[in-house]
Amino acid sequence: MKQKITLLFSFAVIAFGAMAQHSQGIGVHLNTLDVNTPMVWKNNSGPKTLTGLGQQDLGFSLSYWRNVYKQVDFSGKVNLMFHDYSAIDRNVYTYKNNQLGVEIEGAANAYAFKETNKYNAFISAGLGFGSYSNKFGAYVPAGLGLQANFNNDTYIKLQSEYRFSLTTKTESNSLFYSIGLVQSIGKKK
């Protein structure tokens, strides 16, 4: 486990260093996790509606964004999710009400317009790894986003992802929603 995390961290450092000539930003995000909707859709056990916000689990993220090509950027996130992975995803009873999931996620984001546009839409896809109640897991996030640009320095990002679980015994497929504030850092070259 430590070797995998070290390898992932080393790859991220090399990737970030190789892209040093482009604009970059850091962000803070509020997240929600919905595991109920994908289960209902898969089992065809109810109406095809989204789970309400009150039934979703909350979390937070810190992110790093770097433009790598005209309308493409790379984002790296560290997510903390408060969710009962044992009981809900693995059907194992636990006395703990809420457990912690720690995730590291990298994604490529392709934008519809130039970075300087006031409003922009984007699609994203990536790979994420996490530790969920002491079990290792991996997932593939794919989704859509909207970005509002304030003076090319501050951005508000709304994202919605479907997370395809690669380790279904650890975590289930889920929907992930995020709203975040991203601030540019460094000089644009």
N, C-alpha and C. Protein backbone atom coordinates (compact mmCIF):
# COMPACT_ATOMS: atom_id res chain seq x y z
N MET A 1 0.83 -1.19 0.00
CA MET A 1 0.00 0.00 0.00
C MET A 1 0.87 1.26 0.00
N LYS A 2 1.89 1.31 0.87
CA LYS A 2 2.76 2.47 0.94
C LYS A 2 3.53 2.65 -0.36
N GLN A 3 3.93 1.54 -0.99
CA GLN A 3 4.65 1.62 -2.26
C GLN A 3 3.76 2.20 -3.36
N LYS A 4 2.49 1.82 -3.38
CA LYS A 4 1.57 2.34 -4.39
C LYS A 4 1.34 3.83 -4.21
N ILE A 5 1.17 4.26 -2.97
CA ILE A 5 0.97 5.68 -2.70
C ILE A 5 2.23 6.47 -3.04
N THR A 6 3.41 5.94 -2.70
CA THR A 6 4.67 6.60 -3.04
C THR A 6 4.83 6.72 -4.55
N LEU A 7 4.52 5.66 -5.28
CA LEU A 7 4.60 5.69 -6.73
C LEU A 7 3.65 6.72 -7.32
N LEU A 8 2.42 6.78 -6.83
CA LEU A 8 1.44 7.74 -7.31
C LEU A 8 1.90 9.17 -7.01
N PHE A 9 2.41 9.41 -5.81
CA PHE A 9 2.89 10.73 -5.43
C PHE A 9 4.07 11.15 -6.32
N SER A 10 5.00 10.23 -6.57
CA SER A 10 6.16 10.52 -7.42
C SER A 10 5.72 10.88 -8.83
N PHE A 11 4.76 10.13 -9.37
CA PHE A 11 4.24 10.42 -10.69
C PHE A 11 3.63 11.83 -10.74
N ALA A 12 2.86 12.18 -9.71
CA ALA A 12 2.22 13.50 -9.66
C ALA A 12 3.26 14.62 -9.63
N VAL A 13 4.32 14.46 -8.84
CA VAL A 13 5.37 15.48 -8.76
C VAL A 13 6.05 15.66 -10.11
N ILE A 14 6.37 14.56 -10.78
CA ILE A 14 7.01 14.64 -12.09
C ILE A 14 6.08 15.30 -13.11
N ALA A 15 4.81 14.91 -13.09
CA ALA A 15 3.84 15.48 -14.04
C ALA A 15 3.67 16.98 -13.82
N PHE A 16 3.57 17.40 -12.55
CA PHE A 16 3.42 18.82 -12.27
C PHE A 16 4.67 19.60 -12.68
N GLY A 17 5.83 19.04 -12.43
CA GLY A 17 7.08 19.71 -12.81
C GLY A 17 7.24 19.85 -14.31
N ALA A 18 6.78 18.87 -15.06
CA ALA A 18 6.89 18.92 -16.52
C ALA A 18 5.99 19.97 -17.14
N MET A 19 4.98 20.42 -16.42
CA MET A 19 4.02 21.38 -16.96
C MET A 19 4.23 22.78 -16.38
N ALA A 20 5.43 23.13 -16.00
CA ALA A 20 5.69 24.35 -15.25
C ALA A 20 5.43 25.64 -16.02
N GLN A 21 5.30 25.60 -17.34
CA GLN A 21 5.15 26.82 -18.11
C GLN A 21 3.71 27.28 -18.27
N HIS A 22 2.73 26.64 -17.69
CA HIS A 22 1.32 26.98 -17.91
C HIS A 22 0.66 27.51 -16.64
N SER A 23 -0.53 28.14 -16.80
CA SER A 23 -1.25 28.69 -15.65
C SER A 23 -1.68 27.59 -14.70
N GLN A 24 -1.82 27.96 -13.43
CA GLN A 24 -2.15 26.98 -12.41
C GLN A 24 -3.00 27.63 -11.32
N GLY A 25 -3.70 26.79 -10.54
CA GLY A 25 -4.53 27.31 -9.47
C GLY A 25 -4.73 26.26 -8.40
N ILE A 26 -5.14 26.73 -7.22
CA ILE A 26 -5.47 25.84 -6.12
C ILE A 26 -6.92 26.12 -5.71
N GLY A 27 -7.59 25.08 -5.20
CA GLY A 27 -9.00 25.26 -4.88
C GLY A 27 -9.43 24.54 -3.63
N VAL A 28 -10.58 24.95 -3.14
CA VAL A 28 -11.25 24.33 -2.00
C VAL A 28 -12.67 24.02 -2.46
N HIS A 29 -13.16 22.80 -2.15
CA HIS A 29 -14.45 22.35 -2.66
C HIS A 29 -15.29 21.73 -1.55
N LEU A 30 -16.60 21.87 -1.68
CA LEU A 30 -17.58 21.17 -0.87
C LEU A 30 -18.18 20.10 -1.77
N ASN A 31 -18.21 18.85 -1.28
CA ASN A 31 -18.65 17.71 -2.09
C ASN A 31 -19.82 17.00 -1.46
N THR A 32 -20.58 16.31 -2.31
CA THR A 32 -21.58 15.36 -1.82
C THR A 32 -21.40 14.05 -2.58
N LEU A 33 -21.72 12.95 -1.93
CA LEU A 33 -21.59 11.61 -2.49
C LEU A 33 -22.94 10.92 -2.43
N ASP A 34 -23.39 10.42 -3.58
CA ASP A 34 -24.68 9.74 -3.69
C ASP A 34 -24.45 8.31 -4.16
N VAL A 35 -24.62 7.34 -3.26
CA VAL A 35 -24.49 5.93 -3.64
C VAL A 35 -25.85 5.29 -3.89
N ASN A 36 -26.91 5.94 -3.44
CA ASN A 36 -28.25 5.37 -3.59
C ASN A 36 -28.76 5.40 -5.03
N THR A 37 -28.60 6.51 -5.72
CA THR A 37 -29.12 6.64 -7.09
C THR A 37 -28.55 5.58 -8.03
N PRO A 38 -27.22 5.35 -8.08
CA PRO A 38 -26.73 4.30 -8.96
C PRO A 38 -27.26 2.90 -8.62
N MET A 39 -27.48 2.62 -7.31
CA MET A 39 -28.03 1.31 -6.92
C MET A 39 -29.47 1.18 -7.41
N VAL A 40 -30.26 2.24 -7.28
CA VAL A 40 -31.66 2.22 -7.74
C VAL A 40 -31.70 2.04 -9.26
N TRP A 41 -30.84 2.77 -9.98
CA TRP A 41 -30.80 2.66 -11.44
C TRP A 41 -30.41 1.25 -11.86
N LYS A 42 -29.41 0.68 -11.20
CA LYS A 42 -28.92 -0.65 -11.57
C LYS A 42 -29.96 -1.73 -11.28
N ASN A 43 -30.58 -1.67 -10.11
CA ASN A 43 -31.55 -2.69 -9.71
C ASN A 43 -32.95 -2.45 -10.24
N ASN A 44 -33.15 -1.27 -10.86
CA ASN A 44 -34.47 -0.89 -11.36
C ASN A 44 -35.52 -1.02 -10.25
N SER A 45 -35.11 -0.55 -9.04
CA SER A 45 -35.94 -0.75 -7.86
C SER A 45 -36.72 0.48 -7.42
N GLY A 46 -36.79 1.47 -8.25
CA GLY A 46 -37.54 2.67 -7.88
C GLY A 46 -37.57 3.65 -9.02
N PRO A 47 -38.10 4.84 -8.77
CA PRO A 47 -38.16 5.84 -9.84
C PRO A 47 -36.75 6.31 -10.23
N LYS A 48 -36.60 6.67 -11.47
CA LYS A 48 -35.30 7.11 -11.99
C LYS A 48 -35.08 8.59 -11.65
N THR A 49 -35.02 8.87 -10.36
CA THR A 49 -34.79 10.23 -9.88
C THR A 49 -33.51 10.25 -9.07
N LEU A 50 -32.98 11.43 -8.86
CA LEU A 50 -31.77 11.59 -8.06
C LEU A 50 -32.12 11.63 -6.58
N THR A 51 -31.23 11.14 -5.76
CA THR A 51 -31.39 11.18 -4.31
C THR A 51 -31.28 12.63 -3.85
N GLY A 52 -32.10 13.01 -2.89
CA GLY A 52 -32.07 14.37 -2.36
C GLY A 52 -30.79 14.68 -1.60
N LEU A 53 -30.48 15.95 -1.49
CA LEU A 53 -29.26 16.39 -0.83
C LEU A 53 -29.17 15.90 0.61
N GLY A 54 -30.30 15.84 1.31
CA GLY A 54 -30.31 15.39 2.71
C GLY A 54 -29.92 13.94 2.90
N GLN A 55 -29.99 13.13 1.84
CA GLN A 55 -29.64 11.71 1.92
C GLN A 55 -28.25 11.43 1.36
N GLN A 56 -27.52 12.47 0.98
CA GLN A 56 -26.17 12.30 0.46
C GLN A 56 -25.16 12.57 1.58
N ASP A 57 -23.95 12.05 1.39
CA ASP A 57 -22.88 12.25 2.37
C ASP A 57 -22.01 13.41 1.94
N LEU A 58 -21.49 14.15 2.91
CA LEU A 58 -20.69 15.34 2.63
C LEU A 58 -19.20 15.04 2.67
N GLY A 59 -18.45 15.94 2.06
CA GLY A 59 -17.00 15.85 2.07
C GLY A 59 -16.38 17.16 1.64
N PHE A 60 -15.05 17.20 1.67
CA PHE A 60 -14.29 18.39 1.30
C PHE A 60 -13.12 17.97 0.42
N SER A 61 -12.65 18.91 -0.38
CA SER A 61 -11.49 18.63 -1.25
C SER A 61 -10.57 19.83 -1.29
N LEU A 62 -9.30 19.53 -1.49
CA LEU A 62 -8.30 20.51 -1.88
C LEU A 62 -7.87 20.10 -3.28
N SER A 63 -7.70 21.07 -4.16
CA SER A 63 -7.38 20.72 -5.55
C SER A 63 -6.25 21.58 -6.09
N TYR A 64 -5.63 21.05 -7.13
CA TYR A 64 -4.59 21.74 -7.88
C TYR A 64 -4.96 21.62 -9.35
N TRP A 65 -4.98 22.73 -10.06
CA TRP A 65 -5.36 22.76 -11.48
C TRP A 65 -4.22 23.36 -12.27
N ARG A 66 -3.90 22.75 -13.42
CA ARG A 66 -2.84 23.28 -14.27
C ARG A 66 -3.25 23.12 -15.73
N ASN A 67 -3.17 24.24 -16.45
CA ASN A 67 -3.45 24.21 -17.88
C ASN A 67 -2.28 23.53 -18.58
N VAL A 68 -2.56 22.51 -19.40
CA VAL A 68 -1.50 21.78 -20.08
C VAL A 68 -1.51 22.00 -21.60
N TYR A 69 -2.65 22.43 -22.13
CA TYR A 69 -2.76 22.72 -23.55
C TYR A 69 -3.93 23.68 -23.71
N LYS A 70 -4.06 24.33 -24.83
CA LYS A 70 -5.03 25.40 -25.05
C LYS A 70 -6.31 25.29 -24.23
N GLN A 71 -7.10 24.25 -24.42
CA GLN A 71 -8.37 24.12 -23.71
C GLN A 71 -8.42 22.84 -22.88
N VAL A 72 -7.25 22.40 -22.42
CA VAL A 72 -7.16 21.18 -21.62
C VAL A 72 -6.36 21.48 -20.36
N ASP A 73 -6.86 21.02 -19.23
CA ASP A 73 -6.05 21.13 -18.02
C ASP A 73 -6.08 19.82 -17.24
N PHE A 74 -5.18 19.75 -16.29
CA PHE A 74 -5.05 18.61 -15.40
C PHE A 74 -5.46 19.07 -14.01
N SER A 75 -6.22 18.25 -13.31
CA SER A 75 -6.57 18.57 -11.93
C SER A 75 -6.17 17.40 -11.03
N GLY A 76 -5.65 17.73 -9.90
CA GLY A 76 -5.35 16.75 -8.87
C GLY A 76 -6.11 17.13 -7.62
N LYS A 77 -6.77 16.16 -6.99
CA LYS A 77 -7.57 16.46 -5.80
C LYS A 77 -7.24 15.49 -4.67
N VAL A 78 -7.37 15.99 -3.48
CA VAL A 78 -7.36 15.17 -2.27
C VAL A 78 -8.74 15.36 -1.66
N ASN A 79 -9.51 14.28 -1.59
CA ASN A 79 -10.88 14.33 -1.08
C ASN A 79 -10.98 13.66 0.29
N LEU A 80 -11.77 14.24 1.16
CA LEU A 80 -12.14 13.63 2.43
C LEU A 80 -13.66 13.46 2.38
N MET A 81 -14.13 12.22 2.42
CA MET A 81 -15.57 11.94 2.34
C MET A 81 -16.03 11.28 3.63
N PHE A 82 -17.14 11.75 4.18
CA PHE A 82 -17.72 11.19 5.40
C PHE A 82 -18.88 10.28 4.98
N HIS A 83 -18.63 8.98 4.95
CA HIS A 83 -19.59 8.01 4.42
C HIS A 83 -19.37 6.67 5.11
N ASP A 84 -20.43 5.95 5.36
CA ASP A 84 -20.33 4.64 6.02
C ASP A 84 -20.06 3.57 4.96
N TYR A 85 -18.81 3.40 4.59
CA TYR A 85 -18.43 2.46 3.53
C TYR A 85 -18.72 1.01 3.92
N SER A 86 -18.52 0.66 5.19
CA SER A 86 -18.74 -0.73 5.62
C SER A 86 -20.20 -1.14 5.46
N ALA A 87 -21.11 -0.35 6.01
CA ALA A 87 -22.52 -0.73 6.03
C ALA A 87 -23.18 -0.56 4.66
N ILE A 88 -22.96 0.55 4.00
CA ILE A 88 -23.68 0.85 2.77
C ILE A 88 -23.06 0.15 1.56
N ASP A 89 -21.75 0.23 1.39
CA ASP A 89 -21.11 -0.32 0.20
C ASP A 89 -20.78 -1.80 0.32
N ARG A 90 -20.50 -2.29 1.55
CA ARG A 90 -20.06 -3.67 1.72
C ARG A 90 -21.06 -4.55 2.44
N ASN A 91 -22.20 -3.99 2.87
CA ASN A 91 -23.24 -4.72 3.61
C ASN A 91 -22.70 -5.38 4.87
N VAL A 92 -21.81 -4.71 5.57
CA VAL A 92 -21.24 -5.21 6.83
C VAL A 92 -21.64 -4.22 7.91
N TYR A 93 -22.32 -4.72 8.94
CA TYR A 93 -22.78 -3.84 10.02
C TYR A 93 -21.59 -3.24 10.75
N THR A 94 -21.72 -1.98 11.09
CA THR A 94 -20.70 -1.31 11.89
C THR A 94 -21.38 -0.44 12.94
N TYR A 95 -20.77 -0.28 14.07
CA TYR A 95 -21.33 0.57 15.11
C TYR A 95 -20.98 2.04 14.89
N LYS A 96 -20.08 2.31 13.96
CA LYS A 96 -19.69 3.68 13.66
C LYS A 96 -20.75 4.31 12.76
N ASN A 97 -21.17 5.52 13.09
CA ASN A 97 -22.19 6.19 12.30
C ASN A 97 -21.64 6.71 10.97
N ASN A 98 -20.47 7.26 11.00
CA ASN A 98 -19.92 7.84 9.79
C ASN A 98 -18.43 7.58 9.76
N GLN A 99 -17.96 7.08 8.64
CA GLN A 99 -16.55 6.76 8.51
C GLN A 99 -15.91 7.67 7.49
N LEU A 100 -14.62 7.67 7.45
CA LEU A 100 -13.87 8.59 6.61
C LEU A 100 -13.26 7.87 5.41
N GLY A 101 -13.42 8.45 4.24
CA GLY A 101 -12.73 7.99 3.03
C GLY A 101 -11.75 9.07 2.61
N VAL A 102 -10.51 8.69 2.37
CA VAL A 102 -9.48 9.62 1.91
C VAL A 102 -9.10 9.22 0.50
N GLU A 103 -9.20 10.15 -0.44
CA GLU A 103 -8.98 9.84 -1.85
C GLU A 103 -7.96 10.78 -2.48
N ILE A 104 -7.25 10.24 -3.46
CA ILE A 104 -6.36 11.03 -4.33
C ILE A 104 -6.85 10.78 -5.75
N GLU A 105 -7.11 11.86 -6.46
CA GLU A 105 -7.70 11.75 -7.79
C GLU A 105 -7.01 12.67 -8.77
N GLY A 106 -6.71 12.14 -9.94
CA GLY A 106 -6.19 12.95 -11.04
C GLY A 106 -7.15 12.88 -12.20
N ALA A 107 -7.30 13.99 -12.92
CA ALA A 107 -8.24 14.01 -14.05
C ALA A 107 -7.77 14.98 -15.12
N ALA A 108 -8.14 14.66 -16.36
CA ALA A 108 -7.96 15.58 -17.48
C ALA A 108 -9.30 16.24 -17.74
N ASN A 109 -9.27 17.54 -18.01
CA ASN A 109 -10.49 18.31 -18.22
C ASN A 109 -10.39 19.03 -19.57
N ALA A 110 -11.37 18.83 -20.44
CA ALA A 110 -11.39 19.47 -21.76
C ALA A 110 -12.51 20.50 -21.77
N TYR A 111 -12.16 21.76 -22.08
CA TYR A 111 -13.10 22.87 -22.04
C TYR A 111 -13.68 23.15 -23.42
N ALA A 112 -14.90 23.70 -23.44
CA ALA A 112 -15.57 24.04 -24.69
C ALA A 112 -14.99 25.31 -25.30
N PHE A 113 -14.55 26.24 -24.46
CA PHE A 113 -14.06 27.54 -24.92
C PHE A 113 -12.70 27.85 -24.32
N LYS A 114 -12.11 28.97 -24.70
CA LYS A 114 -10.81 29.39 -24.16
C LYS A 114 -10.93 29.67 -22.66
N GLU A 115 -9.81 29.58 -21.98
CA GLU A 115 -9.74 29.77 -20.53
C GLU A 115 -10.24 31.15 -20.10
N THR A 116 -10.12 32.14 -20.96
CA THR A 116 -10.47 33.52 -20.62
C THR A 116 -11.97 33.81 -20.73
N ASN A 117 -12.77 32.90 -21.26
CA ASN A 117 -14.21 33.13 -21.35
C ASN A 117 -14.84 33.27 -19.97
N LYS A 118 -15.87 34.09 -19.87
CA LYS A 118 -16.56 34.33 -18.60
C LYS A 118 -17.19 33.04 -18.06
N TYR A 119 -17.83 32.28 -18.94
CA TYR A 119 -18.46 31.01 -18.56
C TYR A 119 -17.94 29.92 -19.48
N ASN A 120 -17.77 28.74 -18.94
CA ASN A 120 -17.21 27.65 -19.73
C ASN A 120 -17.77 26.32 -19.23
N ALA A 121 -17.92 25.39 -20.16
CA ALA A 121 -18.33 24.03 -19.81
C ALA A 121 -17.15 23.11 -20.07
N PHE A 122 -17.08 22.00 -19.33
CA PHE A 122 -15.99 21.06 -19.55
C PHE A 122 -16.43 19.64 -19.25
N ILE A 123 -15.70 18.70 -19.84
CA ILE A 123 -15.87 17.29 -19.53
C ILE A 123 -14.59 16.82 -18.85
N SER A 124 -14.72 15.81 -18.01
CA SER A 124 -13.53 15.34 -17.29
C SER A 124 -13.56 13.82 -17.18
N ALA A 125 -12.36 13.26 -17.11
CA ALA A 125 -12.19 11.82 -16.88
C ALA A 125 -10.85 11.62 -16.19
N GLY A 126 -10.77 10.62 -15.34
CA GLY A 126 -9.53 10.42 -14.61
C GLY A 126 -9.46 9.08 -13.92
N LEU A 127 -8.66 9.06 -12.86
CA LEU A 127 -8.45 7.85 -12.07
C LEU A 127 -8.26 8.28 -10.62
N GLY A 128 -8.92 7.57 -9.72
CA GLY A 128 -8.81 7.90 -8.31
C GLY A 128 -8.53 6.68 -7.46
N PHE A 129 -7.83 6.90 -6.35
CA PHE A 129 -7.49 5.86 -5.40
C PHE A 129 -7.88 6.35 -4.01
N GLY A 130 -8.25 5.42 -3.15
CA GLY A 130 -8.62 5.85 -1.82
C GLY A 130 -8.51 4.77 -0.78
N SER A 131 -8.57 5.22 0.45
CA SER A 131 -8.62 4.33 1.60
C SER A 131 -9.98 4.56 2.25
N TYR A 132 -10.80 3.48 2.28
CA TYR A 132 -12.17 3.58 2.76
C TYR A 132 -12.34 2.64 3.94
N SER A 133 -12.40 3.20 5.13
CA SER A 133 -12.55 2.39 6.34
C SER A 133 -11.51 1.27 6.36
N ASN A 134 -10.25 1.63 6.13
CA ASN A 134 -9.10 0.72 6.16
C ASN A 134 -9.07 -0.29 5.02
N LYS A 135 -9.77 -0.02 3.93
CA LYS A 135 -9.72 -0.88 2.73
C LYS A 135 -9.34 0.00 1.55
N PHE A 136 -8.47 -0.52 0.70
CA PHE A 136 -7.99 0.21 -0.47
C PHE A 136 -8.98 0.06 -1.62
N GLY A 137 -9.21 1.14 -2.36
CA GLY A 137 -10.13 1.09 -3.49
C GLY A 137 -9.67 1.99 -4.62
N ALA A 138 -10.26 1.79 -5.79
CA ALA A 138 -9.95 2.61 -6.96
C ALA A 138 -11.22 2.83 -7.76
N TYR A 139 -11.26 3.94 -8.47
CA TYR A 139 -12.44 4.29 -9.26
C TYR A 139 -12.04 5.13 -10.47
N VAL A 140 -12.94 5.21 -11.44
CA VAL A 140 -12.75 6.04 -12.63
C VAL A 140 -13.86 7.09 -12.63
N PRO A 141 -13.51 8.37 -12.39
CA PRO A 141 -14.52 9.43 -12.44
C PRO A 141 -14.67 9.97 -13.87
N ALA A 142 -15.90 10.14 -14.30
CA ALA A 142 -16.19 10.73 -15.61
C ALA A 142 -17.36 11.68 -15.42
N GLY A 143 -17.23 12.89 -15.92
CA GLY A 143 -18.33 13.82 -15.67
C GLY A 143 -18.30 15.09 -16.47
N LEU A 144 -19.14 16.01 -16.03
CA LEU A 144 -19.34 17.31 -16.66
C LEU A 144 -19.13 18.40 -15.63
N GLY A 145 -18.78 19.60 -16.12
CA GLY A 145 -18.61 20.71 -15.21
C GLY A 145 -18.92 22.04 -15.86
N LEU A 146 -19.14 23.03 -15.02
CA LEU A 146 -19.33 24.41 -15.45
C LEU A 146 -18.37 25.28 -14.66
N GLN A 147 -17.84 26.31 -15.33
CA GLN A 147 -16.89 27.20 -14.68
C GLN A 147 -17.30 28.64 -14.91
N ALA A 148 -17.25 29.45 -13.86
CA ALA A 148 -17.44 30.90 -13.97
C ALA A 148 -16.09 31.55 -13.69
N ASN A 149 -15.69 32.48 -14.55
CA ASN A 149 -14.38 33.11 -14.50
C ASN A 149 -14.53 34.54 -14.00
N PHE A 150 -13.80 34.89 -12.94
CA PHE A 150 -13.79 36.26 -12.42
C PHE A 150 -12.40 36.85 -12.60
N ASN A 151 -12.23 37.73 -13.58
CA ASN A 151 -10.97 38.44 -13.86
C ASN A 151 -9.79 37.52 -14.14
N ASN A 152 -10.02 36.33 -14.65
CA ASN A 152 -8.97 35.36 -14.97
C ASN A 152 -8.09 34.99 -13.78
N ASP A 153 -8.57 35.24 -12.57
CA ASP A 153 -7.82 34.90 -11.37
C ASP A 153 -8.58 33.97 -10.43
N THR A 154 -9.89 34.14 -10.38
CA THR A 154 -10.72 33.35 -9.48
C THR A 154 -11.81 32.66 -10.29
N TYR A 155 -12.05 31.40 -9.97
CA TYR A 155 -13.02 30.60 -10.72
C TYR A 155 -13.93 29.88 -9.74
N ILE A 156 -15.21 29.79 -10.10
CA ILE A 156 -16.13 28.92 -9.37
C ILE A 156 -16.40 27.74 -10.29
N LYS A 157 -16.22 26.54 -9.75
CA LYS A 157 -16.40 25.33 -10.55
C LYS A 157 -17.49 24.46 -9.95
N LEU A 158 -18.43 24.05 -10.80
CA LEU A 158 -19.47 23.09 -10.44
C LEU A 158 -19.18 21.82 -11.21
N GLN A 159 -19.16 20.68 -10.52
CA GLN A 159 -18.86 19.41 -11.19
C GLN A 159 -19.85 18.33 -10.77
N SER A 160 -20.10 17.44 -11.71
CA SER A 160 -20.92 16.26 -11.46
C SER A 160 -20.20 15.09 -12.13
N GLU A 161 -19.96 14.03 -11.36
CA GLU A 161 -19.24 12.87 -11.89
C GLU A 161 -19.99 11.58 -11.57
N TYR A 162 -19.89 10.65 -12.49
CA TYR A 162 -20.27 9.27 -12.19
C TYR A 162 -18.98 8.54 -11.91
N ARG A 163 -18.89 7.89 -10.78
CA ARG A 163 -17.67 7.18 -10.40
C ARG A 163 -17.87 5.68 -10.59
N PHE A 164 -17.14 5.13 -11.55
CA PHE A 164 -17.18 3.70 -11.81
C PHE A 164 -16.17 3.03 -10.88
N SER A 165 -16.65 2.23 -9.95
CA SER A 165 -15.78 1.57 -8.99
C SER A 165 -15.00 0.44 -9.66
N LEU A 166 -13.69 0.42 -9.44
CA LEU A 166 -12.84 -0.67 -9.93
C LEU A 166 -12.68 -1.75 -8.86
N THR A 167 -13.10 -1.43 -7.65
CA THR A 167 -13.00 -2.36 -6.52
C THR A 167 -14.37 -2.41 -5.84
N THR A 168 -15.29 -3.13 -6.44
CA THR A 168 -16.68 -3.13 -5.96
C THR A 168 -16.86 -3.77 -4.59
N LYS A 169 -15.90 -4.54 -4.12
CA LYS A 169 -16.00 -5.11 -2.77
C LYS A 169 -15.62 -4.08 -1.70
N THR A 170 -15.00 -3.00 -2.12
CA THR A 170 -14.59 -1.95 -1.20
C THR A 170 -15.56 -0.79 -1.21
N GLU A 171 -15.96 -0.35 -2.40
CA GLU A 171 -16.87 0.78 -2.57
C GLU A 171 -17.76 0.52 -3.77
N SER A 172 -18.92 1.14 -3.78
CA SER A 172 -19.85 0.93 -4.89
C SER A 172 -19.78 2.12 -5.86
N ASN A 173 -20.39 1.95 -7.04
CA ASN A 173 -20.50 3.05 -7.98
C ASN A 173 -21.25 4.19 -7.29
N SER A 174 -20.92 5.42 -7.68
CA SER A 174 -21.56 6.55 -7.01
C SER A 174 -21.61 7.76 -7.92
N LEU A 175 -22.42 8.72 -7.51
CA LEU A 175 -22.46 10.04 -8.12
C LEU A 175 -21.76 10.99 -7.16
N PHE A 176 -20.96 11.89 -7.71
CA PHE A 176 -20.16 12.80 -6.90
C PHE A 176 -20.42 14.21 -7.42
N TYR A 177 -20.81 15.11 -6.53
CA TYR A 177 -21.08 16.49 -6.89
C TYR A 177 -20.13 17.39 -6.12
N SER A 178 -19.72 18.49 -6.76
CA SER A 178 -18.76 19.37 -6.12
C SER A 178 -18.99 20.82 -6.54
N ILE A 179 -18.84 21.73 -5.59
CA ILE A 179 -18.79 23.16 -5.89
C ILE A 179 -17.52 23.67 -5.23
N GLY A 180 -16.73 24.43 -6.01
CA GLY A 180 -15.45 24.86 -5.47
C GLY A 180 -15.04 26.23 -5.93
N LEU A 181 -14.12 26.80 -5.19
CA LEU A 181 -13.52 28.08 -5.49
C LEU A 181 -12.05 27.84 -5.79
N VAL A 182 -11.62 28.21 -6.99
CA VAL A 182 -10.23 28.00 -7.42
C VAL A 182 -9.58 29.35 -7.64
N GLN A 183 -8.39 29.54 -7.07
CA GLN A 183 -7.65 30.79 -7.20
C GLN A 183 -6.36 30.56 -7.97
N SER A 184 -6.08 31.41 -8.96
CA SER A 184 -4.83 31.30 -9.71
C SER A 184 -3.66 31.59 -8.80
N ILE A 185 -2.56 30.87 -9.05
CA ILE A 185 -1.32 31.11 -8.30
C ILE A 185 -0.19 31.26 -9.30
N GLY A 186 0.83 31.98 -8.93
CA GLY A 186 1.98 32.17 -9.82
C GLY A 186 1.64 33.10 -10.98
N LYS A 187 2.63 33.34 -11.81
CA LYS A 187 2.46 34.19 -12.99
C LYS A 187 2.07 33.35 -14.19
N LYS A 188 1.19 33.89 -15.02
CA LYS A 188 0.83 33.22 -16.26
C LYS A 188 1.91 33.52 -17.29
N LYS A 189 2.33 32.49 -18.01
CA LYS A 189 3.40 32.68 -18.99
C LYS A 189 2.87 32.52 -20.38
